Amino acid sequence: MPTRAGRCRPGPDPQRSAGRGTSLQVDAPDGPYPVPVTSTPARPVTTRPRSLTGPGLVLAAVVALLAVRVLSPAVGTAGLPDVVQDFLTLAISVVVESLPFVVLGIVLSIVVEVWVPHGVLERILPTRPLPRRAVISLIGMLFPVCECGNVPLARGLMLRGFTPAEAVTFLVAAPILNPLVIISTAQAFGWSGWILPARIVGGFVVANLVGWIVDAHRRPADLLLPAFEARCRAAVGAPPVRDKWRESASHFGGETATMMPALFVGAGLAAAIQVAVPRSALVAVGSNPVLSVVAMMLLAMTVSLCSNVDAFFALSFASTFLPGSITAFLIIGPIIDVKMIALLRTTFRARFLVLLAVVCVLFAATVGLVMNVLV
């Protein structure tokens, strides 16, 4: 019968259980590991022919960015409004900043899904859910990838058989706990105002909080988009891939074709919001203990900075804003921003995005307000 986190073992009659839509636990060569999918018979996954492959999309994006960069002076002299120029500059900067990490995240997801033998990761992780997610949340310290690159990596974990709760725990923790983020935050703030330890501990706690909430969901797989859940069902229990290079190329093409449009849409939305909302309106409330937290969180969700460099951006506000508001900025930015929402929408349903936003916003705001009172 079904258990929490969408896991259970098949009973004496697996096919009858499968007909009731219960969840299964697949036995890997080295032992059982949880699968975040149901045993409902999988429908054939049809792939529509694409006119542009994944590597072609990356190349086209780079060429387009270079062309806009080279031609932008000429466009400016043609009388293009300043607001449009600002929009193009901001959108291109978000794409240029994020694109390398998205590609790196796709490559790492290929390594995890295709090249790492099944049972290796599962064998070194605890079996109990809470310690298992706690260890998974620290795996981000091994990958110098910002939040946009962790989306394809989390997808790779779920295709490998990790539960949605485990993948989400990694997804939330990794962009805050990765080594480059910790080093850049230390370089920007040191131990001043307890910003660095508050960011590290806050990232760990909120990641495990979100993971626990997802694990408590009656059917965590329902938080995934149907198309991606179908891919998970097809991947779990599939025979080992013989031609790993061909599979890697196919995976890279599919993930790139999924992520690139979302990245461009997210960059465009972030640029449009920044053009529409003057930053001076946010700076004006920097000394208020409550409004400063709200303002910096809104700023984090609109500027869509890479978590590897957001500390230096926040440093420019340190003389105007209170430490708690800076900490709230550094916690919420890598988890919820316009660009990240667009990327998460490739995998998760809207109800999950609402859940993630509410939990993380309330947590970051609480940390910021407490710090403004105590520090």
Protein backbone atom coordinates (compact mmCIF):
# COMPACT_ATOMS: atom_id res chain seq x y z
CA MET A 1 0.00 0.00 0.00
CA PRO A 2 1.24 3.54 -0.60
CA THR A 3 3.43 5.15 1.97
CA ARG A 4 4.76 8.64 2.51
CA ALA A 5 6.94 10.25 -0.13
CA GLY A 6 5.20 8.22 -2.81
CA ARG A 7 7.16 5.04 -1.95
CA CYS A 8 6.07 1.49 -1.33
CA ARG A 9 7.11 -2.00 -2.13
CA PRO A 10 4.98 -4.16 -4.43
CA GLY A 11 2.82 -6.73 -2.69
CA PRO A 12 2.40 -10.37 -3.63
CA ASP A 13 0.60 -9.38 -6.82
CA PRO A 14 2.54 -6.50 -8.37
CA GLN A 15 0.37 -6.25 -11.44
CA ARG A 16 -2.79 -5.89 -9.38
CA SER A 17 -1.06 -3.22 -7.28
CA ALA A 18 0.07 -1.49 -10.43
CA GLY A 19 -3.49 -1.38 -11.62
CA ARG A 20 -4.45 0.49 -8.47
CA GLY A 21 -1.84 3.18 -9.21
CA THR A 22 0.38 2.51 -6.17
CA SER A 23 4.06 3.40 -6.07
CA LEU A 24 6.90 0.97 -6.53
CA GLN A 25 10.41 0.66 -5.22
CA VAL A 26 12.78 -0.68 -7.82
CA ASP A 27 15.64 -2.94 -6.86
CA ALA A 28 18.97 -1.70 -8.17
CA PRO A 29 21.88 -4.13 -8.57
CA ASP A 30 23.21 -3.13 -5.14
CA GLY A 31 19.89 -2.86 -3.31
CA PRO A 32 16.58 -1.08 -3.34
CA TYR A 33 16.38 2.65 -3.83
CA PRO A 34 13.30 4.90 -3.93
CA VAL A 35 11.63 5.87 -7.15
CA PRO A 36 9.58 9.07 -7.30
CA VAL A 37 7.04 7.73 -9.74
CA THR A 38 3.91 5.65 -9.70
CA SER A 39 3.52 2.22 -11.16
CA THR A 40 0.76 3.31 -13.49
CA PRO A 41 1.48 1.82 -16.91
CA ALA A 42 3.67 4.25 -18.77
CA ARG A 43 2.40 5.66 -21.99
CA PRO A 44 4.77 5.65 -24.92
CA VAL A 45 6.89 8.76 -24.84
CA THR A 46 6.84 10.24 -28.30
CA THR A 47 9.48 12.70 -29.33
CA ARG A 48 8.58 15.36 -31.82
CA PRO A 49 11.25 16.16 -34.39
CA ARG A 50 13.04 19.39 -33.63
CA SER A 51 14.32 21.71 -36.28
CA LEU A 52 17.24 22.73 -34.09
CA THR A 53 19.33 20.45 -31.90
CA GLY A 54 20.53 21.26 -28.40
CA PRO A 55 24.09 22.19 -29.44
CA GLY A 56 22.57 24.19 -32.28
CA LEU A 57 20.50 26.16 -29.80
CA VAL A 58 23.58 26.97 -27.72
CA LEU A 59 25.49 28.05 -30.83
CA ALA A 60 22.57 30.13 -32.08
CA ALA A 61 22.25 31.81 -28.67
CA VAL A 62 25.94 32.70 -28.58
CA VAL A 63 25.87 34.05 -32.15
CA ALA A 64 22.74 36.10 -31.43
CA LEU A 65 24.27 37.60 -28.30
CA LEU A 66 27.47 38.48 -30.11
CA ALA A 67 25.51 40.05 -32.96
CA VAL A 68 23.44 42.18 -30.61
CA ARG A 69 26.57 43.21 -28.75
CA VAL A 70 28.39 44.23 -31.93
CA LEU A 71 25.42 45.98 -33.48
CA SER A 72 24.14 47.70 -30.33
CA PRO A 73 26.07 50.98 -30.90
CA ALA A 74 24.61 51.26 -34.39
CA VAL A 75 21.16 50.50 -33.09
CA GLY A 76 21.53 53.17 -30.44
CA THR A 77 22.36 55.84 -33.01
CA ALA A 78 19.29 54.82 -34.99
CA GLY A 79 17.08 56.42 -32.38
CA LEU A 80 16.07 53.37 -30.35
CA PRO A 81 14.46 54.55 -27.07
CA ASP A 82 16.62 54.38 -23.97
CA VAL A 83 14.16 52.10 -22.23
CA VAL A 84 14.52 49.54 -25.04
CA GLN A 85 18.30 49.81 -24.87
CA ASP A 86 18.14 49.23 -21.12
CA PHE A 87 15.89 46.23 -21.63
CA LEU A 88 18.26 44.67 -24.18
CA THR A 89 21.30 45.31 -22.01
CA LEU A 90 19.72 43.79 -18.91
CA ALA A 91 18.28 40.78 -20.75
CA ILE A 92 21.58 40.01 -22.48
CA SER A 93 23.51 40.35 -19.22
CA VAL A 94 21.22 37.80 -17.51
CA VAL A 95 21.60 35.34 -20.40
CA VAL A 96 25.39 35.78 -20.64
CA GLU A 97 25.74 35.31 -16.88
CA SER A 98 23.53 32.22 -16.76
CA LEU A 99 24.28 30.38 -20.01
CA PRO A 100 27.65 28.82 -18.98
CA PHE A 101 26.16 27.46 -15.76
CA VAL A 102 23.10 26.07 -17.53
CA VAL A 103 25.37 24.19 -19.93
CA LEU A 104 27.56 23.01 -17.04
CA GLY A 105 24.47 21.83 -15.16
CA ILE A 106 23.30 19.86 -18.20
CA VAL A 107 26.73 18.23 -18.52
CA LEU A 108 26.72 17.28 -14.83
CA SER A 109 23.21 15.87 -15.15
CA ILE A 110 24.45 13.68 -18.02
CA VAL A 111 27.32 12.45 -15.86
CA VAL A 112 24.94 11.59 -13.02
CA GLU A 113 22.28 9.96 -15.19
CA VAL A 114 24.35 8.18 -17.84
CA TRP A 115 27.90 7.65 -16.61
CA VAL A 116 27.66 7.06 -12.84
CA PRO A 117 26.72 3.40 -12.30
CA HIS A 118 23.44 2.77 -10.51
CA GLY A 119 23.94 2.06 -6.84
CA VAL A 120 27.04 4.22 -6.37
CA LEU A 121 25.26 7.32 -5.09
CA GLU A 122 22.53 5.34 -3.39
CA ARG A 123 25.05 3.22 -1.48
CA ILE A 124 26.77 6.19 0.19
CA LEU A 125 23.52 7.92 1.22
CA PRO A 126 21.61 7.14 4.43
CA THR A 127 18.44 5.12 4.03
CA ARG A 128 16.27 7.08 6.48
CA PRO A 129 14.52 10.04 4.78
CA LEU A 130 15.60 12.91 7.07
CA PRO A 131 19.34 12.07 7.24
CA ARG A 132 19.28 11.19 3.54
CA ARG A 133 17.94 14.62 2.56
CA ALA A 134 20.35 16.32 4.96
CA VAL A 135 23.30 14.68 3.22
CA ILE A 136 21.82 15.43 -0.21
CA SER A 137 21.53 19.10 0.71
CA LEU A 138 25.30 19.15 1.33
CA ILE A 139 26.14 17.58 -2.03
CA GLY A 140 25.94 21.08 -3.52
CA MET A 141 29.29 21.80 -1.88
CA LEU A 142 30.82 19.50 -4.51
CA PHE A 143 29.38 21.36 -7.52
CA PRO A 144 30.35 24.98 -8.31
CA VAL A 145 27.08 25.53 -10.20
CA CYS A 146 24.63 28.35 -9.58
CA GLU A 147 20.86 27.95 -9.37
CA CYS A 148 20.15 27.89 -13.10
CA GLY A 149 22.59 25.02 -13.62
CA ASN A 150 21.10 23.03 -10.75
CA VAL A 151 17.72 22.68 -12.47
CA PRO A 152 18.95 20.22 -15.14
CA LEU A 153 21.08 18.52 -12.48
CA ALA A 154 18.02 18.00 -10.26
CA ARG A 155 16.14 16.64 -13.29
CA GLY A 156 18.96 14.16 -13.78
CA LEU A 157 18.67 13.01 -10.16
CA MET A 158 14.95 12.33 -10.56
CA LEU A 159 15.50 10.49 -13.83
CA ARG A 160 18.02 8.38 -11.93
CA GLY A 161 15.38 7.43 -9.34
CA PHE A 162 15.64 10.05 -6.61
CA THR A 163 12.34 11.24 -5.15
CA PRO A 164 11.00 14.74 -5.82
CA ALA A 165 11.61 15.62 -2.15
CA GLU A 166 15.28 14.66 -2.44
CA ALA A 167 15.77 16.46 -5.74
CA VAL A 168 14.06 19.61 -4.43
CA THR A 169 16.22 19.56 -1.30
CA PHE A 170 19.32 19.52 -3.49
CA LEU A 171 17.84 22.15 -5.81
CA VAL A 172 17.23 24.64 -2.98
CA ALA A 173 20.45 24.01 -1.04
CA ALA A 174 23.04 23.71 -3.80
CA PRO A 175 23.06 27.32 -5.11
CA ILE A 176 23.63 28.63 -1.56
CA LEU A 177 26.02 25.97 -0.24
CA ASN A 178 28.27 25.56 -3.26
CA PRO A 179 31.92 26.53 -2.65
CA LEU A 180 32.04 29.54 -4.99
CA VAL A 181 29.03 31.13 -3.29
CA ILE A 182 30.50 30.63 0.18
CA ILE A 183 33.86 32.08 -0.90
CA SER A 184 32.32 35.09 -2.67
CA THR A 185 30.06 35.83 0.32
CA ALA A 186 33.05 35.59 2.66
CA GLN A 187 35.07 37.94 0.44
CA ALA A 188 32.23 40.47 0.32
CA PHE A 189 31.10 40.47 3.96
CA GLY A 190 33.44 38.33 6.04
CA TRP A 191 31.78 37.85 9.43
CA SER A 192 30.32 41.35 9.42
CA GLY A 193 26.74 41.39 10.72
CA TRP A 194 26.60 37.57 10.76
CA ILE A 195 25.56 37.63 7.11
CA LEU A 196 27.82 34.74 6.02
CA PRO A 197 26.83 32.18 8.71
CA ALA A 198 23.18 33.21 8.47
CA ARG A 199 23.21 32.57 4.73
CA ILE A 200 24.88 29.15 5.05
CA VAL A 201 22.71 27.91 7.93
CA GLY A 202 19.58 29.48 6.44
CA GLY A 203 20.16 27.80 3.08
CA PHE A 204 20.60 24.40 4.74
CA VAL A 205 17.51 24.79 6.94
CA VAL A 206 15.14 26.08 4.25
CA ALA A 207 16.22 23.35 1.81
CA ASN A 208 15.43 20.60 4.31
CA LEU A 209 12.20 22.35 5.29
CA VAL A 210 11.01 22.38 1.68
CA GLY A 211 12.13 18.77 1.25
CA TRP A 212 10.18 17.71 4.34
CA ILE A 213 7.03 19.47 3.08
CA VAL A 214 7.30 17.82 -0.35
CA ASP A 215 7.95 14.44 1.31
CA ALA A 216 4.77 14.88 3.38
CA HIS A 217 2.71 15.40 0.21
CA ARG A 218 0.26 12.57 -0.47
CA ARG A 219 1.63 12.03 -3.97
CA PRO A 220 4.86 14.00 -4.56
CA ALA A 221 4.97 12.85 -8.18
CA ASP A 222 1.84 14.96 -8.79
CA LEU A 223 4.03 18.05 -8.35
CA LEU A 224 5.88 17.16 -11.57
CA LEU A 225 4.70 17.99 -15.06
CA PRO A 226 3.08 14.96 -16.71
CA ALA A 227 5.61 14.89 -19.55
CA PHE A 228 8.57 14.82 -17.18
CA GLU A 229 6.93 12.22 -14.94
CA ALA A 230 6.48 10.06 -18.03
CA ARG A 231 10.20 10.37 -18.72
CA CYS A 232 10.91 9.26 -15.14
CA ARG A 233 8.66 6.23 -15.54
CA ALA A 234 10.39 5.32 -18.79
CA ALA A 235 13.87 5.75 -17.27
CA VAL A 236 13.29 3.73 -14.09
CA GLY A 237 13.97 0.06 -14.64
CA ALA A 238 15.20 0.62 -18.20
CA PRO A 239 18.05 -1.64 -19.35
CA PRO A 240 21.58 -0.20 -19.15
CA VAL A 241 22.54 2.06 -22.02
CA ARG A 242 24.98 0.42 -24.41
CA ASP A 243 26.11 3.46 -26.37
CA LYS A 244 26.67 6.01 -23.61
CA TRP A 245 28.10 8.64 -25.94
CA ARG A 246 25.01 8.55 -28.16
CA GLU A 247 22.77 8.68 -25.08
CA SER A 248 24.76 11.62 -23.70
CA ALA A 249 24.41 13.54 -26.96
CA SER A 250 20.67 12.82 -27.06
CA HIS A 251 20.27 13.90 -23.44
CA PHE A 252 22.23 17.10 -24.04
CA GLY A 253 20.07 17.96 -27.02
CA GLY A 254 16.82 17.33 -25.21
CA GLU A 255 17.76 19.20 -22.03
CA THR A 256 19.18 22.15 -23.96
CA ALA A 257 16.04 22.43 -26.08
CA THR A 258 14.03 22.46 -22.85
CA MET A 259 16.17 24.90 -20.87
CA MET A 260 17.17 27.51 -23.47
CA PRO A 261 13.68 28.88 -24.21
CA ALA A 262 12.94 29.06 -20.48
CA LEU A 263 16.22 30.91 -19.88
CA PHE A 264 15.44 33.50 -22.57
CA VAL A 265 11.88 34.00 -21.32
CA GLY A 266 13.12 34.41 -17.75
CA ALA A 267 15.82 36.86 -18.80
CA GLY A 268 13.29 38.93 -20.73
CA LEU A 269 10.87 39.05 -17.81
CA ALA A 270 13.63 40.00 -15.37
CA ALA A 271 14.79 42.80 -17.66
CA ALA A 272 11.25 44.10 -18.17
CA ILE A 273 10.60 44.23 -14.42
CA GLN A 274 13.88 46.02 -13.76
CA VAL A 275 13.08 48.62 -16.40
CA ALA A 276 9.56 49.13 -15.06
CA VAL A 277 10.48 49.34 -11.34
CA PRO A 278 13.00 52.09 -10.51
CA ARG A 279 15.69 50.90 -8.12
CA SER A 280 15.61 54.26 -6.31
CA ALA A 281 12.14 53.39 -5.01
CA LEU A 282 13.58 50.35 -3.25
CA VAL A 283 16.63 52.14 -1.86
CA ALA A 284 14.43 54.78 -0.21
CA VAL A 285 13.20 52.27 2.41
CA GLY A 286 16.62 50.83 3.34
CA SER A 287 16.64 51.98 6.96
CA ASN A 288 13.23 50.57 7.89
CA PRO A 289 13.58 47.16 9.64
CA VAL A 290 10.51 45.70 7.94
CA LEU A 291 10.31 47.50 4.60
CA SER A 292 14.03 47.04 3.98
CA VAL A 293 13.58 43.25 4.09
CA VAL A 294 10.63 43.41 1.71
CA ALA A 295 12.48 45.74 -0.65
CA MET A 296 15.64 43.63 -0.83
CA MET A 297 13.66 40.43 -1.36
CA LEU A 298 11.75 42.05 -4.22
CA LEU A 299 15.05 43.23 -5.64
CA ALA A 300 16.52 39.71 -5.42
CA MET A 301 13.54 38.25 -7.24
CA THR A 302 13.74 40.78 -10.08
CA VAL A 303 17.44 41.26 -10.81
CA SER A 304 17.93 37.45 -11.24
CA LEU A 305 21.61 37.43 -10.40
CA CYS A 306 23.77 34.32 -10.40
CA SER A 307 24.33 33.18 -6.82
CA ASN A 308 28.08 33.03 -7.44
CA VAL A 309 28.26 36.83 -7.71
CA ASP A 310 25.17 38.15 -5.94
CA ALA A 311 27.11 38.87 -2.73
CA PHE A 312 29.14 41.61 -4.43
CA PHE A 313 25.97 43.14 -5.81
CA ALA A 314 24.42 43.12 -2.34
CA LEU A 315 27.58 44.67 -0.91
CA SER A 316 26.77 47.90 -2.75
CA PHE A 317 23.64 48.21 -0.58
CA ALA A 318 25.36 47.41 2.72
CA SER A 319 25.77 51.06 3.67
CA THR A 320 22.07 51.77 3.04
CA PHE A 321 20.26 48.59 4.11
CA LEU A 322 20.27 46.70 7.40
CA PRO A 323 22.11 43.33 7.71
CA GLY A 324 18.86 41.38 7.95
CA SER A 325 17.62 42.71 4.63
CA ILE A 326 20.95 41.83 2.97
CA THR A 327 20.69 38.29 4.36
CA ALA A 328 17.11 37.92 3.14
CA PHE A 329 18.32 39.02 -0.31
CA LEU A 330 21.08 36.40 -0.30
CA ILE A 331 18.75 33.60 0.81
CA ILE A 332 15.75 34.20 -1.44
CA GLY A 333 17.60 35.24 -4.62
CA PRO A 334 19.11 31.84 -5.51
CA ILE A 335 15.80 30.06 -4.85
CA ILE A 336 13.05 32.29 -6.23
CA ASP A 337 13.60 34.82 -8.98
CA VAL A 338 11.97 35.43 -12.33
CA LYS A 339 14.58 33.51 -14.28
CA MET A 340 14.51 30.56 -11.85
CA ILE A 341 10.73 30.33 -11.97
CA ALA A 342 10.85 30.05 -15.76
CA LEU A 343 13.44 27.25 -15.50
CA LEU A 344 11.53 25.40 -12.77
CA ARG A 345 8.39 25.54 -14.90
CA THR A 346 10.05 23.08 -17.30
CA THR A 347 9.79 20.39 -14.62
CA PHE A 348 7.26 21.29 -11.91
CA ARG A 349 3.59 22.19 -11.86
CA ALA A 350 2.46 25.67 -10.90
CA ARG A 351 1.17 24.46 -7.53
CA PHE A 352 4.70 23.47 -6.53
CA LEU A 353 6.08 26.85 -7.57
CA VAL A 354 3.48 28.55 -5.37
CA LEU A 355 4.36 26.26 -2.46
CA LEU A 356 8.09 26.87 -2.91
CA ALA A 357 7.64 30.63 -3.15
CA VAL A 358 5.43 30.89 -0.05
CA VAL A 359 7.68 28.74 2.15
CA CYS A 360 10.95 30.35 1.06
CA VAL A 361 9.66 33.93 1.17
CA LEU A 362 8.26 33.48 4.67
CA PHE A 363 11.48 31.82 5.85
CA ALA A 364 13.79 34.47 4.35
CA ALA A 365 11.61 37.28 5.70
CA THR A 366 11.65 35.74 9.19
CA VAL A 367 15.45 35.43 9.14
CA GLY A 368 15.80 39.02 7.95
CA LEU A 369 13.43 40.47 10.55
CA VAL A 370 15.06 38.54 13.41
CA MET A 371 18.51 39.73 12.34
CA ASN A 372 17.33 43.34 12.07
CA VAL A 373 16.08 43.13 15.65
CA LEU A 374 18.98 41.23 17.21
CA VAL A 375 22.05 42.34 15.22
